[in-house]
Amino acid sequence: MTSPHDDAPRPPTWAAPAGTGAPPPEGVPPTGPAAPTPPQPPTGWGQQQPPGAPGAWGPAAPPPPGVAWRPPALQPGIIPLRPLGMGEIYDGAFRAVRANPRVMFGLAALVVTLAVTLQSVVQWYIKGIIAPQLTDLSTEVDPSGQMGFAEQMGSSFGLLVAAPVTTIATTILTGLLILSVSRSVLGQVATVGEVLRSRRVWLVVGFTFLTGLATLLVVGALAAAVVLLAVNDQIGAAVAVGLVGSLALVVAAVWFATRTLLVPPALMLEGKKFWPTITRAWKLTRGSFWRLFGIYLLTSILAGIIAQIIVVPASVFGQLVLRDPTATSFASIVVTGIATVIASTLSTTFVSAVVALLYIDVRMRREGLDVELARAAESTA
């Protein structure tokens, strides 16, 4: 639940009070009771005014009681240096790509291409080994062979075996892109060489590995409990444990993913040790859980929609044009792989930029990071 400070409304922009009886414009005679003039911004908006100048912001012309005026936030790069709204975070994510396309798109496309190529090769190789072993089973399930049961099962198993390849590549890419976004916030451009020289990305890989290992252990424990109950003829209990445990596992996974959402940017940007950084990132999400969860959920949905818009037509092309209903032939795998490269590049870039900006936004809200960033931007200007 967000804290009241996070969701407090911003004070309205100060405007000079409009008094009754204001003189009419020059050259226009008064025709009756003076109408109130609309509120006007202070004289010299955005300009330096001498102290005591009429309408200037200073001791000589204070704002009305209870009304504050804030100057426009400094924006040296892709976002203004102040707490951000969701629209500004998304706009900053797109600006990050335009500010440094070589890293945000070029490097991302290269890493994803290598990962998807290796995944496709592993998938094709595993399918060739597994599919012949399933021939006897496929004759019972699919006697005519039109469904391509053996090929589909072999391809699915190969995809499962190759999944860690794309997971590791995406994790590395996320860490590297976070560096580029952080530099773009200050109006700087990180080169590909500077990004690749960062060794802290392996801390992000290590955290992802530990998270995956913990997930496997929990899922394995749940599956073992269900199997043990079923073997002992306690079918009702096995079903209940399976359903309740699965629901609890999903809820716990969502909660844990949200509470650790800021760990990758913290590991990449803070320069501290592994466990203290994880603890600090965990504390940063306290009080901002629902805001982080909502923005990240919407971001994931948008990224998934973008990916499906690209991948689904490629699958349909393979089934209709290449005449491969099971989409397991070499040509279909190549077409699907190309579509996956494009979709993964776009989605990973967008999500990584949003996560980096969420981290910066939370720190600006809680720790006044915007002041430090403004000083850093002025010192490097």
Protein backbone atom coordinates (compact mmCIF):
# COMPACT_ATOMS: atom_id res chain seq x y z
CA MET A 1 0.00 0.00 0.00
CA THR A 2 1.50 3.34 -0.96
CA SER A 3 2.28 5.81 1.75
CA PRO A 4 0.32 9.08 2.01
CA HIS A 5 3.47 10.92 1.04
CA ASP A 6 3.71 9.00 -2.26
CA ASP A 7 0.15 9.76 -3.31
CA ALA A 8 -0.14 13.29 -1.91
CA PRO A 9 -1.52 15.72 -4.52
CA ARG A 10 0.98 18.16 -5.88
CA PRO A 11 0.42 21.78 -4.85
CA PRO A 12 -1.17 23.93 -7.54
CA THR A 13 0.94 26.26 -9.60
CA TRP A 14 1.13 29.71 -8.04
CA ALA A 15 -0.67 32.47 -9.93
CA ALA A 16 -0.89 36.16 -9.22
CA PRO A 17 -4.21 36.99 -7.52
CA ALA A 18 -6.72 38.73 -9.66
CA GLY A 19 -8.14 41.68 -7.79
CA THR A 20 -11.40 43.38 -8.53
CA GLY A 21 -11.21 46.83 -9.97
CA ALA A 22 -8.15 46.05 -12.08
CA PRO A 23 -7.44 48.78 -14.65
CA PRO A 24 -8.60 48.04 -18.21
CA PRO A 25 -6.10 47.42 -21.02
CA GLU A 26 -4.42 50.46 -22.45
CA GLY A 27 -6.52 52.24 -25.02
CA VAL A 28 -9.83 50.66 -23.99
CA PRO A 29 -12.08 52.95 -21.96
CA PRO A 30 -13.88 51.48 -18.98
CA THR A 31 -17.51 50.69 -19.77
CA GLY A 32 -18.77 49.51 -16.41
CA PRO A 33 -17.77 47.63 -13.32
CA ALA A 34 -14.37 46.14 -13.76
CA ALA A 35 -14.51 42.39 -14.42
CA PRO A 36 -12.07 40.19 -12.58
CA THR A 37 -9.02 39.38 -14.65
CA PRO A 38 -8.06 35.76 -15.10
CA PRO A 39 -5.17 34.46 -13.01
CA GLN A 40 -1.79 35.16 -14.55
CA PRO A 41 1.53 33.48 -13.90
CA PRO A 42 4.16 35.50 -12.10
CA THR A 43 6.05 38.04 -14.11
CA GLY A 44 9.23 36.59 -15.44
CA TRP A 45 8.08 32.93 -15.37
CA GLY A 46 11.23 30.89 -15.83
CA GLN A 47 13.42 34.04 -15.89
CA GLN A 48 15.70 35.51 -13.25
CA GLN A 49 14.10 38.58 -11.63
CA PRO A 50 15.81 41.05 -9.31
CA PRO A 51 14.64 41.00 -5.70
CA GLY A 52 11.70 43.29 -5.15
CA ALA A 53 10.67 43.42 -8.81
CA PRO A 54 6.87 43.65 -9.27
CA GLY A 55 5.38 40.22 -9.61
CA ALA A 56 8.72 38.48 -9.04
CA TRP A 57 8.91 35.38 -6.84
CA GLY A 58 10.71 36.51 -3.71
CA PRO A 59 10.31 38.24 -0.37
CA ALA A 60 8.79 41.30 -1.98
CA ALA A 61 5.92 39.36 -3.59
CA PRO A 62 5.05 36.27 -1.56
CA PRO A 63 2.29 33.96 -2.75
CA PRO A 64 -1.12 34.01 -1.10
CA PRO A 65 -1.34 32.10 2.18
CA GLY A 66 -1.76 28.35 1.70
CA VAL A 67 -0.77 28.43 -1.98
CA ALA A 68 2.71 27.40 -3.09
CA TRP A 69 4.50 27.74 -6.39
CA ARG A 70 7.13 25.36 -7.63
CA PRO A 71 9.49 26.10 -10.48
CA PRO A 72 9.63 23.58 -13.33
CA ALA A 73 11.69 20.54 -12.42
CA LEU A 74 15.14 20.24 -13.95
CA GLN A 75 15.20 17.77 -16.86
CA PRO A 76 18.70 17.14 -18.14
CA GLY A 77 17.71 13.85 -19.78
CA ILE A 78 14.74 11.62 -20.47
CA ILE A 79 12.67 12.44 -17.35
CA PRO A 80 12.09 15.45 -15.11
CA LEU A 81 13.94 15.17 -11.81
CA ARG A 82 10.91 14.84 -9.52
CA PRO A 83 8.49 12.06 -8.56
CA LEU A 84 7.03 10.63 -11.76
CA GLY A 85 3.57 9.61 -12.86
CA MET A 86 2.92 6.41 -14.75
CA GLY A 87 2.64 8.22 -18.08
CA GLU A 88 5.97 9.94 -17.49
CA ILE A 89 7.60 6.58 -16.70
CA TYR A 90 6.34 5.10 -19.97
CA ASP A 91 7.34 8.22 -21.89
CA GLY A 92 10.79 8.03 -20.30
CA ALA A 93 11.10 4.38 -21.35
CA PHE A 94 10.52 5.31 -25.01
CA ARG A 95 12.83 8.31 -24.69
CA ALA A 96 15.55 6.01 -23.34
CA VAL A 97 15.47 4.02 -26.59
CA ARG A 98 15.69 7.17 -28.71
CA ALA A 99 18.46 8.61 -26.52
CA ASN A 100 20.74 5.58 -26.92
CA PRO A 101 19.52 3.30 -29.74
CA ARG A 102 22.88 1.52 -30.08
CA VAL A 103 22.59 0.01 -26.61
CA MET A 104 18.83 -0.04 -26.06
CA PHE A 105 18.05 -1.61 -29.42
CA GLY A 106 21.27 -2.63 -31.16
CA LEU A 107 22.90 -4.45 -28.24
CA ALA A 108 19.53 -5.85 -27.14
CA ALA A 109 18.86 -7.26 -30.61
CA LEU A 110 22.33 -8.82 -30.75
CA VAL A 111 22.01 -10.55 -27.35
CA VAL A 112 18.48 -11.77 -28.05
CA THR A 113 19.47 -13.04 -31.50
CA LEU A 114 22.32 -15.10 -30.09
CA ALA A 115 20.09 -16.50 -27.33
CA VAL A 116 17.18 -17.37 -29.62
CA THR A 117 19.53 -18.96 -32.17
CA LEU A 118 21.08 -21.18 -29.52
CA GLN A 119 17.64 -21.98 -28.14
CA SER A 120 16.35 -22.98 -31.59
CA VAL A 121 19.36 -25.24 -32.22
CA VAL A 122 18.91 -26.96 -28.86
CA GLN A 123 15.18 -27.30 -29.45
CA TRP A 124 15.74 -28.86 -32.89
CA TYR A 125 18.39 -31.24 -31.59
CA ILE A 126 16.35 -32.39 -28.57
CA LYS A 127 13.27 -32.86 -30.72
CA GLY A 128 15.22 -35.16 -33.03
CA ILE A 129 16.19 -37.31 -30.04
CA ILE A 130 12.87 -37.37 -28.17
CA ALA A 131 10.38 -37.64 -31.04
CA PRO A 132 11.43 -41.16 -32.18
CA GLN A 133 11.17 -42.39 -28.58
CA LEU A 134 7.55 -41.32 -28.45
CA THR A 135 6.49 -43.15 -31.59
CA ASP A 136 4.78 -46.00 -29.77
CA LEU A 137 2.90 -43.62 -27.49
CA SER A 138 1.89 -41.43 -30.39
CA THR A 139 0.26 -44.35 -32.22
CA GLU A 140 -2.10 -44.79 -29.29
CA VAL A 141 -2.93 -41.11 -28.90
CA ASP A 142 -2.74 -40.14 -32.57
CA PRO A 143 -3.14 -43.27 -34.77
CA SER A 144 -3.38 -41.32 -38.03
CA GLY A 145 -0.36 -39.14 -37.21
CA GLN A 146 -2.11 -35.97 -38.38
CA MET A 147 -1.76 -34.31 -35.00
CA GLY A 148 2.01 -34.79 -34.96
CA PHE A 149 1.94 -35.79 -31.29
CA ALA A 150 5.52 -37.10 -31.17
CA GLU A 151 6.94 -34.01 -32.92
CA GLN A 152 4.99 -31.62 -30.71
CA MET A 153 6.05 -33.35 -27.50
CA GLY A 154 9.67 -33.52 -28.63
CA SER A 155 9.69 -29.86 -29.62
CA SER A 156 8.07 -28.82 -26.34
CA PHE A 157 10.62 -30.80 -24.35
CA GLY A 158 13.45 -29.24 -26.35
CA LEU A 159 12.03 -25.79 -25.70
CA LEU A 160 11.87 -26.56 -21.99
CA VAL A 161 15.50 -27.70 -21.95
CA ALA A 162 16.62 -24.58 -23.82
CA ALA A 163 14.58 -22.17 -21.66
CA PRO A 164 17.50 -21.37 -19.29
CA VAL A 165 19.46 -20.01 -22.25
CA THR A 166 16.96 -17.24 -22.93
CA THR A 167 16.44 -16.65 -19.20
CA ILE A 168 20.14 -16.00 -18.61
CA ALA A 169 20.41 -13.84 -21.74
CA THR A 170 17.38 -11.78 -20.74
CA THR A 171 18.76 -11.32 -17.22
CA ILE A 172 22.12 -10.10 -18.51
CA LEU A 173 20.44 -7.81 -21.01
CA THR A 174 18.18 -6.33 -18.34
CA GLY A 175 21.16 -5.40 -16.20
CA LEU A 176 23.03 -3.82 -19.10
CA LEU A 177 20.01 -1.81 -20.24
CA ILE A 178 19.48 -0.47 -16.72
CA LEU A 179 22.93 1.12 -16.90
CA SER A 180 22.06 2.83 -20.16
CA VAL A 181 18.77 4.18 -18.79
CA SER A 182 20.47 5.54 -15.67
CA ARG A 183 22.92 7.48 -17.82
CA SER A 184 20.14 8.78 -20.06
CA VAL A 185 18.40 10.25 -17.00
CA LEU A 186 21.37 12.61 -16.66
CA GLY A 187 21.43 13.39 -20.37
CA GLN A 188 24.49 11.20 -20.98
CA VAL A 189 25.00 8.39 -23.47
CA ALA A 190 26.60 5.13 -22.40
CA THR A 191 28.62 3.41 -25.09
CA VAL A 192 28.33 -0.30 -25.82
CA GLY A 193 31.86 -0.84 -24.49
CA GLU A 194 31.09 0.92 -21.20
CA VAL A 195 27.96 -1.14 -20.70
CA LEU A 196 29.65 -4.44 -21.50
CA ARG A 197 32.51 -3.75 -19.06
CA SER A 198 30.16 -3.76 -16.09
CA ARG A 199 30.82 -6.78 -13.91
CA ARG A 200 27.92 -6.17 -11.56
CA VAL A 201 25.60 -7.76 -14.08
CA TRP A 202 26.76 -11.12 -12.73
CA LEU A 203 25.24 -10.19 -9.40
CA VAL A 204 21.91 -9.87 -11.18
CA VAL A 205 22.46 -13.28 -12.78
CA GLY A 206 23.27 -14.74 -9.36
CA PHE A 207 20.11 -13.29 -7.85
CA THR A 208 18.03 -14.70 -10.72
CA PHE A 209 19.63 -18.10 -10.22
CA LEU A 210 18.89 -18.11 -6.48
CA THR A 211 15.30 -17.03 -7.14
CA GLY A 212 14.80 -19.78 -9.71
CA LEU A 213 16.34 -22.37 -7.39
CA ALA A 214 14.04 -21.35 -4.52
CA THR A 215 11.04 -21.55 -6.85
CA LEU A 216 11.99 -25.05 -7.99
CA LEU A 217 12.36 -26.20 -4.40
CA VAL A 218 8.95 -24.87 -3.40
CA VAL A 219 7.24 -26.32 -6.47
CA GLY A 220 9.00 -29.64 -5.93
CA ALA A 221 7.90 -29.77 -2.30
CA LEU A 222 4.29 -29.12 -3.31
CA ALA A 223 4.40 -31.77 -6.05
CA ALA A 224 5.96 -34.29 -3.65
CA ALA A 225 3.22 -33.67 -1.09
CA VAL A 226 0.49 -34.21 -3.70
CA VAL A 227 2.11 -37.40 -5.01
CA LEU A 228 2.62 -38.76 -1.49
CA LEU A 229 -1.03 -38.23 -0.61
CA ALA A 230 -2.18 -39.79 -3.88
CA VAL A 231 0.02 -42.87 -3.36
CA ASN A 232 -1.54 -43.37 0.07
CA ASP A 233 -5.04 -43.34 -1.50
CA GLN A 234 -5.89 -39.93 -0.06
CA ILE A 235 -7.17 -38.55 -3.34
CA GLY A 236 -9.39 -35.87 -1.81
CA ALA A 237 -6.56 -34.53 0.32
CA ALA A 238 -4.19 -34.63 -2.65
CA VAL A 239 -6.59 -32.58 -4.78
CA ALA A 240 -7.19 -30.09 -1.95
CA VAL A 241 -3.48 -29.68 -1.26
CA GLY A 242 -2.79 -29.30 -4.97
CA LEU A 243 -5.44 -26.62 -5.51
CA VAL A 244 -4.82 -24.64 -2.32
CA GLY A 245 -1.06 -24.99 -2.62
CA SER A 246 -1.06 -23.84 -6.26
CA LEU A 247 -3.15 -20.79 -5.43
CA ALA A 248 -0.93 -19.92 -2.47
CA LEU A 249 2.14 -20.43 -4.63
CA VAL A 250 0.86 -18.00 -7.27
CA VAL A 251 0.03 -15.36 -4.66
CA ALA A 252 3.42 -15.79 -2.98
CA ALA A 253 5.21 -15.60 -6.33
CA VAL A 254 3.48 -12.33 -7.25
CA TRP A 255 4.21 -10.85 -3.82
CA PHE A 256 7.86 -11.91 -3.91
CA ALA A 257 8.36 -10.68 -7.48
CA THR A 258 6.99 -7.26 -6.56
CA ARG A 259 9.04 -6.95 -3.37
CA THR A 260 12.21 -7.85 -5.30
CA LEU A 261 11.37 -5.81 -8.40
CA LEU A 262 13.98 -3.15 -7.59
CA VAL A 263 16.79 -5.60 -6.83
CA PRO A 264 18.31 -5.64 -10.37
CA PRO A 265 18.61 -1.83 -10.68
CA ALA A 266 19.89 -1.59 -7.11
CA LEU A 267 22.56 -4.22 -7.81
CA MET A 268 23.62 -2.48 -11.01
CA LEU A 269 23.66 1.12 -9.77
CA GLU A 270 24.49 1.27 -6.06
CA GLY A 271 27.88 -0.43 -6.05
CA LYS A 272 27.39 -2.19 -2.71
CA LYS A 273 27.70 -5.82 -1.67
CA PHE A 274 25.22 -8.48 -2.72
CA TRP A 275 23.09 -9.21 0.35
CA PRO A 276 23.01 -5.66 1.77
CA THR A 277 21.81 -4.41 -1.61
CA ILE A 278 19.04 -7.02 -1.75
CA THR A 279 17.94 -6.05 1.76
CA ARG A 280 17.93 -2.37 0.86
CA ALA A 281 15.96 -2.95 -2.37
CA TRP A 282 13.45 -4.98 -0.35
CA LYS A 283 12.99 -2.07 2.06
CA LEU A 284 12.59 0.41 -0.80
CA THR A 285 9.40 -1.34 -1.92
CA ARG A 286 7.86 -1.01 1.54
CA GLY A 287 4.93 1.39 1.31
CA SER A 288 4.92 1.32 -2.51
CA PHE A 289 3.84 -2.28 -3.10
CA TRP A 290 0.53 -1.67 -4.86
CA ARG A 291 1.89 1.11 -7.04
CA LEU A 292 4.84 -1.02 -8.15
CA PHE A 293 2.62 -4.04 -8.64
CA GLY A 294 0.07 -2.14 -10.74
CA ILE A 295 2.61 -0.46 -13.02
CA TYR A 296 4.65 -3.63 -13.48
CA LEU A 297 1.54 -5.73 -14.17
CA LEU A 298 0.33 -3.27 -16.80
CA THR A 299 3.82 -3.14 -18.30
CA SER A 300 4.00 -6.94 -18.50
CA ILE A 301 0.56 -7.09 -20.14
CA LEU A 302 1.54 -4.48 -22.73
CA ALA A 303 4.82 -6.29 -23.43
CA GLY A 304 2.95 -9.59 -23.80
CA ILE A 305 0.46 -8.06 -26.22
CA ILE A 306 3.30 -6.60 -28.32
CA ALA A 307 5.03 -9.98 -28.39
CA GLN A 308 1.88 -11.83 -29.43
CA ILE A 309 1.17 -9.34 -32.21
CA ILE A 310 4.53 -10.32 -33.71
CA VAL A 311 4.76 -14.04 -32.86
CA VAL A 312 1.19 -15.16 -33.69
CA PRO A 313 1.31 -14.05 -37.36
CA ALA A 314 4.63 -15.89 -37.71
CA SER A 315 3.04 -19.09 -36.37
CA VAL A 316 0.08 -18.72 -38.71
CA PHE A 317 2.49 -18.17 -41.60
CA GLY A 318 4.27 -21.41 -40.75
CA GLN A 319 1.03 -23.37 -40.55
CA LEU A 320 -0.59 -22.00 -43.71
CA VAL A 321 2.21 -21.00 -46.06
CA LEU A 322 4.79 -23.59 -45.03
CA ARG A 323 2.05 -26.21 -44.56
CA ASP A 324 3.33 -27.26 -41.18
CA PRO A 325 0.33 -27.60 -38.81
CA THR A 326 2.54 -28.64 -35.88
CA ALA A 327 5.05 -25.80 -36.45
CA THR A 328 7.94 -28.17 -35.68
CA SER A 329 9.78 -28.23 -39.01
CA PHE A 330 13.12 -26.50 -39.45
CA ALA A 331 11.59 -23.74 -41.60
CA SER A 332 8.85 -23.08 -39.04
CA ILE A 333 11.39 -22.92 -36.23
CA VAL A 334 13.42 -20.38 -38.22
CA VAL A 335 10.38 -18.18 -38.94
CA THR A 336 9.21 -18.37 -35.34
CA GLY A 337 12.75 -17.66 -34.13
CA ILE A 338 12.97 -14.45 -36.17
CA ALA A 339 9.63 -13.29 -34.80
CA THR A 340 10.76 -14.19 -31.28
CA VAL A 341 13.93 -12.12 -31.69
CA ILE A 342 11.94 -9.04 -32.66
CA ALA A 343 9.31 -9.54 -29.95
CA SER A 344 11.83 -10.28 -27.19
CA THR A 345 13.99 -7.32 -28.13
CA LEU A 346 11.07 -4.90 -27.93
CA SER A 347 9.52 -6.34 -24.79
CA THR A 348 12.79 -6.76 -22.86
CA THR A 349 13.91 -3.24 -23.72
CA PHE A 350 10.60 -1.71 -22.67
CA VAL A 351 10.28 -3.66 -19.41
CA SER A 352 13.91 -3.04 -18.42
CA ALA A 353 13.56 0.70 -18.97
CA VAL A 354 10.36 0.82 -16.92
CA VAL A 355 11.96 -1.11 -14.03
CA ALA A 356 14.97 1.22 -14.02
CA LEU A 357 12.74 4.31 -13.96
CA LEU A 358 10.58 2.80 -11.20
CA TYR A 359 13.71 2.40 -9.08
CA ILE A 360 14.72 6.01 -9.70
CA ASP A 361 11.18 7.22 -9.02
CA VAL A 362 10.95 5.38 -5.68
CA ARG A 363 14.28 6.80 -4.56
CA MET A 364 13.23 10.32 -5.57
CA ARG A 365 10.05 9.93 -3.51
CA ARG A 366 11.68 8.40 -0.45
CA GLU A 367 15.26 9.65 -0.40
CA GLY A 368 15.36 12.88 -2.40
CA LEU A 369 17.44 11.34 -5.17
CA ASP A 370 16.24 14.08 -7.52
CA VAL A 371 18.39 16.59 -5.62
CA GLU A 372 21.48 14.42 -5.99
CA LEU A 373 20.76 13.80 -9.67
CA ALA A 374 20.32 17.54 -10.26
CA ARG A 375 23.69 18.23 -8.67
CA ALA A 376 25.31 15.49 -10.73
CA ALA A 377 23.75 16.86 -13.93
CA GLU A 378 24.94 20.39 -13.16
CA SER A 379 28.46 19.21 -12.32
CA THR A 380 28.76 17.33 -15.62
CA ALA A 381 27.09 20.01 -17.74
